[in-house]
C-alpha atoms as a PDB file:
ATOM      1  CA  MET A   1       0.000   0.000   0.000  1.00  0.00           C
ATOM      2  CA  ILE A   2       4.614   4.847  -0.889  1.00  0.00           C
ATOM      3  CA  ARG A   3       7.069   5.233  -1.117  1.00  0.00           C
ATOM      4  CA  ASN A   4       8.995   8.403  -2.008  1.00  0.00           C
ATOM      5  CA  ARG A   5      12.065   8.494   0.105  1.00  0.00           C
ATOM      6  CA  ARG A   6      15.342   6.588   0.067  1.00  0.00           C
ATOM      7  CA  ARG A   7      15.233   3.348   1.984  1.00  0.00           C
ATOM      8  CA  ARG A   8      16.286   3.682   5.567  1.00  0.00           C
ATOM      9  CA  ILE A   9      17.060   0.399   7.289  1.00  0.00           C
ATOM     10  CA  THR A  10      16.900   0.258  11.057  1.00  0.00           C
ATOM     11  CA  HIS A  11      18.221  -3.102  12.166  1.00  0.00           C
ATOM     12  CA  LEU A  12      16.938  -5.046  15.133  1.00  0.00           C
ATOM     13  CA  LEU A  13      19.576  -5.377  17.824  1.00  0.00           C
ATOM     14  CA  GLY A  14      21.309  -8.696  17.651  1.00  0.00           C
ATOM     15  CA  CYS A  15      20.254  -9.345  14.047  1.00  0.00           C
ATOM     16  CA  THR A  16      22.965 -10.902  11.876  1.00  0.00           C
ATOM     17  CA  ALA A  17      23.847 -10.491   8.242  1.00  0.00           C
ATOM     18  CA  ALA A  18      22.798 -14.094   7.713  1.00  0.00           C
ATOM     19  CA  ALA A  19      19.298 -13.271   8.924  1.00  0.00           C
ATOM     20  CA  LEU A  20      19.039 -10.436   6.431  1.00  0.00           C
ATOM     21  CA  ALA A  21      20.066 -12.821   3.668  1.00  0.00           C
ATOM     22  CA  LEU A  22      17.242 -15.138   4.688  1.00  0.00           C
ATOM     23  CA  ILE A  23      14.745 -12.290   4.459  1.00  0.00           C
ATOM     24  CA  THR A  24      15.869 -11.302   0.970  1.00  0.00           C
ATOM     25  CA  THR A  25      15.749 -14.891  -0.238  1.00  0.00           C
ATOM     26  CA  ALA A  26      12.226 -15.379   1.090  1.00  0.00           C
ATOM     27  CA  ALA A  27      11.002 -12.159  -0.500  1.00  0.00           C
ATOM     28  CA  CYS A  28      12.217 -13.311  -3.916  1.00  0.00           C
ATOM     29  CA  SER A  29      11.032 -16.910  -3.612  1.00  0.00           C
ATOM     30  CA  GLY A  30       7.672 -16.176  -1.959  1.00  0.00           C
ATOM     31  CA  GLU A  31       8.519 -18.617   0.847  1.00  0.00           C
ATOM     32  CA  THR A  32       8.213 -17.903   4.533  1.00  0.00           C
ATOM     33  CA  SER A  33      11.290 -16.225   5.959  1.00  0.00           C
ATOM     34  CA  LYS A  34      12.661 -16.177   9.454  1.00  0.00           C
ATOM     35  CA  VAL A  35      13.736 -12.879  10.957  1.00  0.00           C
ATOM     36  CA  GLU A  36      16.130 -13.529  13.778  1.00  0.00           C
ATOM     37  CA  GLY A  37      15.611 -11.937  17.154  1.00  0.00           C
ATOM     38  CA  GLY A  38      12.231 -12.373  18.834  1.00  0.00           C
ATOM     39  CA  SER A  39      10.642 -10.373  21.618  1.00  0.00           C
ATOM     40  CA  ASP A  40      11.878 -11.069  25.117  1.00  0.00           C
ATOM     41  CA  ASP A  41       8.871 -12.051  27.178  1.00  0.00           C
ATOM     42  CA  ASP A  42       9.047 -10.809  30.738  1.00  0.00           C
ATOM     43  CA  SER A  43       7.335 -12.167  33.809  1.00  0.00           C
ATOM     44  CA  GLY A  44       4.765  -9.384  33.852  1.00  0.00           C
ATOM     45  CA  GLY A  45       2.622 -10.951  31.150  1.00  0.00           C
ATOM     46  CA  GLY A  46       4.024  -8.756  28.396  1.00  0.00           C
ATOM     47  CA  SER A  47       7.215  -7.687  26.710  1.00  0.00           C
ATOM     48  CA  LYS A  48       8.942  -4.344  27.242  1.00  0.00           C
ATOM     49  CA  THR A  49      10.360  -4.687  23.730  1.00  0.00           C
ATOM     50  CA  VAL A  50       8.109  -4.101  20.733  1.00  0.00           C
ATOM     51  CA  LYS A  51       9.298  -4.981  17.240  1.00  0.00           C
ATOM     52  CA  LEU A  52       7.673  -3.085  14.364  1.00  0.00           C
ATOM     53  CA  ALA A  53       8.114  -3.557  10.622  1.00  0.00           C
ATOM     54  CA  TYR A  54       7.352  -1.156   7.781  1.00  0.00           C
ATOM     55  CA  VAL A  55       7.774  -1.026   4.007  1.00  0.00           C
ATOM     56  CA  ALA A  56       9.844   1.942   2.894  1.00  0.00           C
ATOM     57  CA  GLY A  57       7.964   4.390   0.713  1.00  0.00           C
ATOM     58  CA  TRP A  58       4.517   3.275   1.848  1.00  0.00           C
ATOM     59  CA  ASP A  59       4.016   6.501   3.695  1.00  0.00           C
ATOM     60  CA  GLU A  60       0.933   5.863   5.783  1.00  0.00           C
ATOM     61  CA  GLY A  61       2.695   2.820   7.225  1.00  0.00           C
ATOM     62  CA  VAL A  62       5.995   4.625   7.744  1.00  0.00           C
ATOM     63  CA  SER A  63       4.179   7.493   9.450  1.00  0.00           C
ATOM     64  CA  ALA A  64       2.157   5.245  11.751  1.00  0.00           C
ATOM     65  CA  THR A  65       5.204   3.135  12.620  1.00  0.00           C
ATOM     66  CA  PHE A  66       7.400   6.018  13.724  1.00  0.00           C
ATOM     67  CA  LEU A  67       4.475   7.648  15.482  1.00  0.00           C
ATOM     68  CA  TRP A  68       3.991   4.540  17.595  1.00  0.00           C
ATOM     69  CA  LYS A  69       7.713   4.119  18.088  1.00  0.00           C
ATOM     70  CA  GLN A  70       7.729   7.516  19.783  1.00  0.00           C
ATOM     71  CA  ILE A  71       4.523   6.846  21.739  1.00  0.00           C
ATOM     72  CA  LEU A  72       5.769   3.522  23.089  1.00  0.00           C
ATOM     73  CA  GLU A  73       9.208   4.844  23.936  1.00  0.00           C
ATOM     74  CA  ASP A  74       7.564   7.642  25.886  1.00  0.00           C
ATOM     75  CA  LYS A  75       5.779   4.887  27.803  1.00  0.00           C
ATOM     76  CA  GLY A  76       9.072   3.185  28.668  1.00  0.00           C
ATOM     77  CA  TYR A  77       9.172   0.515  25.971  1.00  0.00           C
ATOM     78  CA  LYS A  78      12.161  -0.392  23.862  1.00  0.00           C
ATOM     79  CA  VAL A  79      11.026  -0.243  20.232  1.00  0.00           C
ATOM     80  CA  GLU A  80      12.896  -1.831  17.351  1.00  0.00           C
ATOM     81  CA  VAL A  81      11.891  -1.028  13.771  1.00  0.00           C
ATOM     82  CA  ARG A  82      12.900  -2.714  10.570  1.00  0.00           C
ATOM     83  CA  ASP A  83      12.406  -1.757   6.946  1.00  0.00           C
ATOM     84  CA  LEU A  84      11.371  -4.942   5.091  1.00  0.00           C
ATOM     85  CA  ASP A  85       9.641  -5.820   1.858  1.00  0.00           C
ATOM     86  CA  ILE A  86       6.010  -6.818   2.178  1.00  0.00           C
ATOM     87  CA  ALA A  87       6.561 -10.594   1.840  1.00  0.00           C
ATOM     88  CA  SER A  88       9.197 -10.606   4.582  1.00  0.00           C
ATOM     89  CA  THR A  89       7.009  -8.448   6.800  1.00  0.00           C
ATOM     90  CA  TYR A  90       4.146 -10.929   6.775  1.00  0.00           C
ATOM     91  CA  ALA A  91       6.554 -13.852   7.153  1.00  0.00           C
ATOM     92  CA  GLY A  92       8.181 -12.173  10.136  1.00  0.00           C
ATOM     93  CA  ILE A  93       4.828 -11.589  11.817  1.00  0.00           C
ATOM     94  CA  ALA A  94       3.743 -15.181  11.206  1.00  0.00           C
ATOM     95  CA  ASN A  95       7.031 -16.522  12.616  1.00  0.00           C
ATOM     96  CA  LYS A  96       6.799 -14.252  15.697  1.00  0.00           C
ATOM     97  CA  GLN A  97      10.057 -12.571  14.749  1.00  0.00           C
ATOM     98  CA  VAL A  98       8.237  -9.256  14.212  1.00  0.00           C
ATOM     99  CA  ASP A  99       5.478  -8.263  16.622  1.00  0.00           C
ATOM    100  CA  VAL A 100       3.326  -5.704  14.830  1.00  0.00           C
ATOM    101  CA  TYR A 101       2.715  -4.363  11.324  1.00  0.00           C
ATOM    102  CA  MET A 102       0.743  -1.108  11.110  1.00  0.00           C
ATOM    103  CA  ASP A 103      -0.085  -1.071   7.382  1.00  0.00           C
ATOM    104  CA  ALA A 104      -2.062  -4.213   6.512  1.00  0.00           C
ATOM    105  CA  TRP A 105      -4.514  -3.465   3.689  1.00  0.00           C
ATOM    106  CA  LEU A 106      -7.345  -5.947   4.090  1.00  0.00           C
ATOM    107  CA  PRO A 107      -9.388  -7.697   2.926  1.00  0.00           C
ATOM    108  CA  VAL A 108      -8.374  -7.109  -0.722  1.00  0.00           C
ATOM    109  CA  THR A 109      -4.883  -5.738  -1.324  1.00  0.00           C
ATOM    110  CA  HIS A 110      -2.913  -8.080   0.943  1.00  0.00           C
ATOM    111  CA  GLU A 111      -5.320 -10.973   0.456  1.00  0.00           C
ATOM    112  CA  THR A 112      -2.685 -13.410  -0.818  1.00  0.00           C
ATOM    113  CA  TYR A 113      -0.476 -12.946   2.253  1.00  0.00           C
ATOM    114  CA  TRP A 114      -3.401 -13.206   4.648  1.00  0.00           C
ATOM    115  CA  LYS A 115      -4.726 -16.379   3.019  1.00  0.00           C
ATOM    116  CA  LYS A 116      -1.342 -18.025   3.331  1.00  0.00           C
ATOM    117  CA  LEU A 117      -0.244 -16.785   6.760  1.00  0.00           C
ATOM    118  CA  GLY A 118      -3.412 -15.489   8.437  1.00  0.00           C
ATOM    119  CA  PRO A 119      -3.789 -18.465  10.806  1.00  0.00           C
ATOM    120  CA  LYS A 120      -0.487 -17.444  12.392  1.00  0.00           C
ATOM    121  CA  MET A 121      -1.524 -13.813  12.822  1.00  0.00           C
ATOM    122  CA  GLU A 122      -4.250 -11.727  14.448  1.00  0.00           C
ATOM    123  CA  LYS A 123      -5.960  -8.462  13.592  1.00  0.00           C
ATOM    124  CA  VAL A 124      -5.484  -5.948  16.388  1.00  0.00           C
ATOM    125  CA  GLY A 125      -7.559  -3.095  15.007  1.00  0.00           C
ATOM    126  CA  THR A 126      -8.487  -0.811  12.107  1.00  0.00           C
ATOM    127  CA  TRP A 127      -7.011   2.678  12.209  1.00  0.00           C
ATOM    128  CA  TYR A 128      -7.963   4.139   8.820  1.00  0.00           C
ATOM    129  CA  GLU A 129     -10.724   3.581   6.260  1.00  0.00           C
ATOM    130  CA  PRO A 130     -11.609   3.603   3.461  1.00  0.00           C
ATOM    131  CA  ALA A 131      -8.354   2.954   1.611  1.00  0.00           C
ATOM    132  CA  ASP A 132      -8.466   2.471  -2.140  1.00  0.00           C
ATOM    133  CA  LEU A 133      -6.185   1.527  -5.020  1.00  0.00           C
ATOM    134  CA  ASN A 134      -6.339   3.325  -8.337  1.00  0.00           C
ATOM    135  CA  LEU A 135      -4.783   4.617 -11.526  1.00  0.00           C
ATOM    136  CA  THR A 136      -3.998   8.320 -11.378  1.00  0.00           C
ATOM    137  CA  VAL A 137      -3.092  11.075 -13.854  1.00  0.00           C
ATOM    138  CA  PRO A 138      -2.414  14.808 -13.496  1.00  0.00           C
ATOM    139  CA  LYS A 139      -5.505  17.016 -13.562  1.00  0.00           C
ATOM    140  CA  TYR A 140      -4.367  18.739 -16.764  1.00  0.00           C
ATOM    141  CA  VAL A 141      -4.918  15.477 -18.698  1.00  0.00           C
ATOM    142  CA  LYS A 142      -8.422  16.534 -19.683  1.00  0.00           C
ATOM    143  CA  ASP A 143      -9.416  13.702 -22.040  1.00  0.00           C
ATOM    144  CA  VAL A 144      -8.983  10.876 -19.515  1.00  0.00           C
ATOM    145  CA  ASN A 145     -11.283  10.704 -16.502  1.00  0.00           C
ATOM    146  CA  THR A 146     -12.066   6.986 -16.199  1.00  0.00           C
ATOM    147  CA  ILE A 147     -10.022   3.856 -16.757  1.00  0.00           C
ATOM    148  CA  ASP A 148     -12.268   3.200 -19.789  1.00  0.00           C
ATOM    149  CA  ASP A 149     -10.957   6.453 -21.308  1.00  0.00           C
ATOM    150  CA  LEU A 150      -7.426   4.997 -21.511  1.00  0.00           C
ATOM    151  CA  LYS A 151      -8.455   2.741 -24.407  1.00  0.00           C
ATOM    152  CA  GLY A 152      -6.824   3.946 -27.625  1.00  0.00           C
ATOM    153  CA  LYS A 153      -4.764   6.631 -25.861  1.00  0.00           C
ATOM    154  CA  SER A 154      -1.601   4.722 -24.983  1.00  0.00           C
ATOM    155  CA  SER A 155       0.541   6.985 -27.174  1.00  0.00           C
ATOM    156  CA  GLU A 156      -0.209   9.915 -24.839  1.00  0.00           C
ATOM    157  CA  PHE A 157       1.458   8.015 -21.997  1.00  0.00           C
ATOM    158  CA  GLY A 158       4.251   6.376 -23.943  1.00  0.00           C
ATOM    159  CA  GLY A 159       2.416   3.074 -23.667  1.00  0.00           C
ATOM    160  CA  LYS A 160       3.344   2.769 -19.991  1.00  0.00           C
ATOM    161  CA  ILE A 161       1.689   2.625 -16.612  1.00  0.00           C
ATOM    162  CA  VAL A 162       4.330   3.461 -14.027  1.00  0.00           C
ATOM    163  CA  GLY A 163       4.026   0.902 -11.254  1.00  0.00           C
ATOM    164  CA  ILE A 164       5.569   0.267  -7.852  1.00  0.00           C
ATOM    165  CA  GLU A 165       7.085  -2.759  -6.096  1.00  0.00           C
ATOM    166  CA  ALA A 166       6.430  -6.040  -7.912  1.00  0.00           C
ATOM    167  CA  GLY A 167       5.148  -7.863  -4.825  1.00  0.00           C
ATOM    168  CA  SER A 168       2.527  -5.289  -3.910  1.00  0.00           C
ATOM    169  CA  GLY A 169      -1.197  -6.004  -4.045  1.00  0.00           C
ATOM    170  CA  LEU A 170      -1.631  -2.893  -6.169  1.00  0.00           C
ATOM    171  CA  MET A 171       0.552  -4.355  -8.928  1.00  0.00           C
ATOM    172  CA  ARG A 172      -1.115  -7.765  -8.660  1.00  0.00           C
ATOM    173  CA  LEU A 173      -4.614  -6.350  -9.054  1.00  0.00           C
ATOM    174  CA  THR A 174      -3.610  -3.944 -11.821  1.00  0.00           C
ATOM    175  CA  ARG A 175      -2.051  -6.775 -13.805  1.00  0.00           C
ATOM    176  CA  SER A 176      -4.598  -9.515 -13.137  1.00  0.00           C
ATOM    177  CA  ASN A 177      -7.830  -7.497 -12.994  1.00  0.00           C
ATOM    178  CA  VAL A 178      -7.604  -3.966 -14.332  1.00  0.00           C
ATOM    179  CA  LEU A 179      -5.662  -4.461 -17.569  1.00  0.00           C
ATOM    180  CA  PRO A 180      -7.728  -7.427 -18.826  1.00  0.00           C
ATOM    181  CA  ASP A 181     -11.069  -6.074 -17.596  1.00  0.00           C
ATOM    182  CA  TYR A 182     -10.600  -2.858 -19.550  1.00  0.00           C
ATOM    183  CA  GLY A 183      -8.905  -4.421 -22.587  1.00  0.00           C
ATOM    184  CA  LEU A 184      -5.618  -2.600 -21.989  1.00  0.00           C
ATOM    185  CA  LYS A 185      -3.134  -5.499 -21.933  1.00  0.00           C
ATOM    186  CA  SER A 186      -2.073  -5.054 -25.559  1.00  0.00           C
ATOM    187  CA  GLU A 187      -1.769  -1.267 -25.301  1.00  0.00           C
ATOM    188  CA  TYR A 188       0.001  -0.613 -22.012  1.00  0.00           C
ATOM    189  CA  GLU A 189       3.064  -1.992 -20.291  1.00  0.00           C
ATOM    190  CA  LEU A 190       2.832  -2.049 -16.492  1.00  0.00           C
ATOM    191  CA  THR A 191       6.372  -1.249 -15.396  1.00  0.00           C
ATOM    192  CA  GLU A 192       7.741  -2.547 -12.101  1.00  0.00           C
ATOM    193  CA  SER A 193       9.813  -0.119 -10.064  1.00  0.00           C
ATOM    194  CA  SER A 194       9.689   1.272  -6.548  1.00  0.00           C
ATOM    195  CA  THR A 195       7.274   3.699  -4.979  1.00  0.00           C
ATOM    196  CA  SER A 196       9.954   6.369  -4.854  1.00  0.00           C
ATOM    197  CA  ALA A 197      10.728   5.867  -8.552  1.00  0.00           C
ATOM    198  CA  MET A 198       7.029   6.060  -9.412  1.00  0.00           C
ATOM    199  CA  LEU A 199       6.636   9.310  -7.494  1.00  0.00           C
ATOM    200  CA  SER A 200       9.760  10.709  -9.133  1.00  0.00           C
ATOM    201  CA  ALA A 201       8.375   9.903 -12.584  1.00  0.00           C
ATOM    202  CA  LEU A 202       5.063  11.483 -11.616  1.00  0.00           C
ATOM    203  CA  GLN A 203       6.702  14.680 -10.383  1.00  0.00           C
ATOM    204  CA  LYS A 204       8.946  14.835 -13.449  1.00  0.00           C
ATOM    205  CA  GLY A 205       5.932  14.537 -15.747  1.00  0.00           C
ATOM    206  CA  ILE A 206       4.049  17.233 -13.851  1.00  0.00           C
ATOM    207  CA  ASN A 207       7.049  19.575 -13.935  1.00  0.00           C
ATOM    208  CA  ALA A 208       7.111  19.200 -17.726  1.00  0.00           C
ATOM    209  CA  LYS A 209       3.308  19.243 -17.883  1.00  0.00           C
ATOM    210  CA  LYS A 210       3.304  15.966 -19.785  1.00  0.00           C
ATOM    211  CA  PRO A 211       0.763  13.145 -19.494  1.00  0.00           C
ATOM    212  CA  VAL A 212       1.851  10.474 -17.013  1.00  0.00           C
ATOM    213  CA  LEU A 213      -0.112   7.459 -15.772  1.00  0.00           C
ATOM    214  CA  VAL A 214       0.736   5.816 -12.437  1.00  0.00           C
ATOM    215  CA  THR A 215      -0.527   3.273  -9.941  1.00  0.00           C
ATOM    216  CA  LEU A 216      -1.350   4.996  -6.652  1.00  0.00           C
ATOM    217  CA  TRP A 217      -3.524   4.690  -3.588  1.00  0.00           C
ATOM    218  CA  ARG A 218      -5.367   6.739  -1.001  1.00  0.00           C
ATOM    219  CA  PRO A 219      -4.524   7.832   1.623  1.00  0.00           C
ATOM    220  CA  HIS A 220      -1.397   9.411   0.156  1.00  0.00           C
ATOM    221  CA  TRP A 221       0.232  12.810   0.611  1.00  0.00           C
ATOM    222  CA  ALA A 222       0.711  13.122  -3.178  1.00  0.00           C
ATOM    223  CA  TYR A 223      -2.943  14.086  -3.601  1.00  0.00           C
ATOM    224  CA  THR A 224      -2.369  17.070  -1.344  1.00  0.00           C
ATOM    225  CA  LYS A 225       0.958  18.108  -2.839  1.00  0.00           C
ATOM    226  CA  MET A 226       0.347  17.464  -6.558  1.00  0.00           C
ATOM    227  CA  PRO A 227      -2.512  18.301  -8.994  1.00  0.00           C
ATOM    228  CA  LEU A 228      -3.830  14.749  -9.395  1.00  0.00           C
ATOM    229  CA  LYS A 229      -7.071  12.998 -10.223  1.00  0.00           C
ATOM    230  CA  VAL A 230      -8.112   9.398  -9.718  1.00  0.00           C
ATOM    231  CA  LEU A 231      -9.457   7.605 -12.790  1.00  0.00           C
ATOM    232  CA  LYS A 232     -12.884   6.202 -12.030  1.00  0.00           C
ATOM    233  CA  ASP A 233     -12.913   2.406 -11.879  1.00  0.00           C
ATOM    234  CA  THR A 234     -16.329   1.814 -13.441  1.00  0.00           C
ATOM    235  CA  LYS A 235     -15.903  -1.973 -13.528  1.00  0.00           C
ATOM    236  CA  LYS A 236     -14.795  -2.118  -9.868  1.00  0.00           C
ATOM    237  CA  SER A 237     -11.730  -4.094 -10.921  1.00  0.00           C
ATOM    238  CA  TYR A 238      -9.753  -2.999  -7.864  1.00  0.00           C
ATOM    239  CA  GLY A 239     -12.526  -4.287  -5.622  1.00  0.00           C
ATOM    240  CA  LYS A 240     -14.092  -2.605  -2.623  1.00  0.00           C
ATOM    241  CA  PRO A 241     -11.964  -0.190  -0.567  1.00  0.00           C
ATOM    242  CA  ASP A 242      -9.786  -1.755   2.096  1.00  0.00           C
ATOM    243  CA  LYS A 243      -9.292  -1.009   5.752  1.00  0.00           C
ATOM    244  CA  VAL A 244      -5.802  -0.133   6.977  1.00  0.00           C
ATOM    245  CA  GLN A 245      -5.368  -2.550   9.844  1.00  0.00           C
ATOM    246  CA  ILE A 246      -2.834  -3.454  12.499  1.00  0.00           C
ATOM    247  CA  VAL A 247      -1.807  -7.101  12.470  1.00  0.00           C
ATOM    248  CA  ALA A 248       0.324  -8.930  15.011  1.00  0.00           C
ATOM    249  CA  SER A 249       1.686 -12.377  15.691  1.00  0.00           C
ATOM    250  CA  LYS A 250      -0.903 -14.851  16.926  1.00  0.00           C
ATOM    251  CA  GLY A 251      -1.409 -14.413  20.661  1.00  0.00           C
ATOM    252  CA  TYR A 252       0.274 -11.009  20.840  1.00  0.00           C
ATOM    253  CA  SER A 253      -2.776  -9.190  22.222  1.00  0.00           C
ATOM    254  CA  SER A 254      -3.344 -11.637  25.052  1.00  0.00           C
ATOM    255  CA  ALA A 255       0.358 -11.634  25.947  1.00  0.00           C
ATOM    256  CA  ASN A 256       0.644  -7.839  25.709  1.00  0.00           C
ATOM    257  CA  PRO A 257      -2.806  -6.480  26.639  1.00  0.00           C
ATOM    258  CA  LYS A 258      -1.691  -2.945  27.463  1.00  0.00           C
ATOM    259  CA  VAL A 259       0.032  -2.278  24.140  1.00  0.00           C
ATOM    260  CA  ALA A 260      -2.710  -4.087  22.235  1.00  0.00           C
ATOM    261  CA  GLY A 261      -5.343  -1.997  23.995  1.00  0.00           C
ATOM    262  CA  TRP A 262      -3.652   1.228  22.970  1.00  0.00           C
ATOM    263  CA  LEU A 263      -3.318   0.043  19.381  1.00  0.00           C
ATOM    264  CA  LYS A 264      -7.012  -0.890  19.282  1.00  0.00           C
ATOM    265  CA  ASN A 265      -7.860   2.703  20.235  1.00  0.00           C
ATOM    266  CA  PHE A 266      -5.732   4.142  17.408  1.00  0.00           C
ATOM    267  CA  ARG A 267      -7.758   6.007  14.767  1.00  0.00           C
ATOM    268  CA  MET A 268      -6.863   8.703  12.221  1.00  0.00           C
ATOM    269  CA  ASN A 269      -8.862  10.591   9.621  1.00  0.00           C
ATOM    270  CA  SER A 270      -7.509  11.823   6.287  1.00  0.00           C
ATOM    271  CA  LYS A 271      -6.685  15.295   7.593  1.00  0.00           C
ATOM    272  CA  GLN A 272      -4.782  13.975  10.599  1.00  0.00           C
ATOM    273  CA  LEU A 273      -2.861  11.400   8.595  1.00  0.00           C
ATOM    274  CA  GLY A 274      -2.152  13.863   5.807  1.00  0.00           C
ATOM    275  CA  SER A 275      -0.633  16.364   8.216  1.00  0.00           C
ATOM    276  CA  LEU A 276       1.600  13.658   9.710  1.00  0.00           C
ATOM    277  CA  GLU A 277       2.747  12.400   6.311  1.00  0.00           C
ATOM    278  CA  LEU A 278       3.530  15.889   5.062  1.00  0.00           C
ATOM    279  CA  LEU A 279       5.534  16.654   8.200  1.00  0.00           C
ATOM    280  CA  LEU A 280       7.615  13.519   7.646  1.00  0.00           C
ATOM    281  CA  GLN A 281       8.158  14.657   4.062  1.00  0.00           C
ATOM    282  CA  LYS A 282       9.244  18.078   5.222  1.00  0.00           C
ATOM    283  CA  LYS A 283      11.679  16.743   7.818  1.00  0.00           C
ATOM    284  CA  GLY A 284      13.205  14.279   5.371  1.00  0.00           C
ATOM    285  CA  THR A 285      14.731  10.831   5.511  1.00  0.00           C
ATOM    286  CA  GLY A 286      16.324  10.012   8.838  1.00  0.00           C
ATOM    287  CA  ASN A 287      14.114  12.406  10.761  1.00  0.00           C
ATOM    288  CA  GLU A 288      10.877  10.411  10.806  1.00  0.00           C
ATOM    289  CA  GLN A 289      10.740  10.025  14.562  1.00  0.00           C
ATOM    290  CA  ALA A 290      11.544  13.680  15.166  1.00  0.00           C
ATOM    291  CA  ALA A 291       8.664  14.571  12.861  1.00  0.00           C
ATOM    292  CA  ALA A 292       6.369  12.192  14.724  1.00  0.00           C
ATOM    293  CA  LYS A 293       7.360  13.738  18.048  1.00  0.00           C
ATOM    294  CA  GLU A 294       6.613  17.228  16.746  1.00  0.00           C
ATOM    295  CA  TRP A 295       3.250  16.078  15.384  1.00  0.00           C
ATOM    296  CA  MET A 296       2.392  14.514  18.746  1.00  0.00           C
ATOM    297  CA  ALA A 297       3.034  17.797  20.524  1.00  0.00           C
ATOM    298  CA  ASP A 298       0.580  19.514  18.191  1.00  0.00           C
ATOM    299  CA  ASN A 299      -2.029  16.756  18.580  1.00  0.00           C
ATOM    300  CA  LYS A 300      -1.686  15.875  22.245  1.00  0.00           C
ATOM    301  CA  GLN A 301      -5.411  15.500  22.914  1.00  0.00           C
ATOM    302  CA  LEU A 302      -5.790  13.020  20.062  1.00  0.00           C
ATOM    303  CA  VAL A 303      -2.763  10.983  21.127  1.00  0.00           C
ATOM    304  CA  ASP A 304      -3.961  10.917  24.729  1.00  0.00           C
ATOM    305  CA  SER A 305      -7.306   9.508  23.595  1.00  0.00           C
ATOM    306  CA  TRP A 306      -5.543   6.433  22.222  1.00  0.00           C
ATOM    307  CA  LEU A 307      -3.795   5.748  25.515  1.00  0.00           C
ATOM    308  CA  LYS A 308      -6.849   5.458  27.745  1.00  0.00           C
END
């Protein structure tokens, strides 16, 4: 679910290079990976260490992760965060090597991961909805307003739809549903890249005021910062909007009721999330937690409501 900044890897303490190799191998093969270094259970019925994973460039997840890193550290917890690809994130949760993932798009976008690994995980709560996948163009592209309108106009976009990470649900649904449903497979090439590369191509096209067609999703700060419009999906090929949910290893909530209770209370609307994402953008890579801390100071009443 982007996606615009250079990857920043924060390693779990005690994690070895061999463990990272396992993660990469699993992401490429689609097999379950093991992420070394589990939570240390204490005798108080919960762990004082919380391990979070996020996918770089998927900004709502990055924002929520560093927000909760700051919140939990303020509460006396040790928080470890790791930047993983989406396959390794779900594998790590299922294997109890990662505790919590803040950016699960369910039931549609991450359906394949949930079907395979869901029995080893639990849903802690929903913190944002609705969340939708789409194809997007700049507003100045006047002759294209629906996905149907793309038929016969591939030359305007160089025959390309600029995509994101190959393993994402957005790419899977675009390739398997959207292109065939709308008869676009022979006209358009769906290019695999990264979220940051997609956003760079989008900004470059806008700067030159040229047509550009990208895969994107909401919520995303790009809709606030750039003149964009979502192409209407008249055939509902992307499915119903998702919920952005928090998932954890099976049994995490019962073992860590205090943290789980706080996470269940977590809710954001588009304005709140947008302001957090834009602040992270402004502060830049490496300053995500500082941005989260500043946002918390400006939204103390909201944050306090989650911690009741």
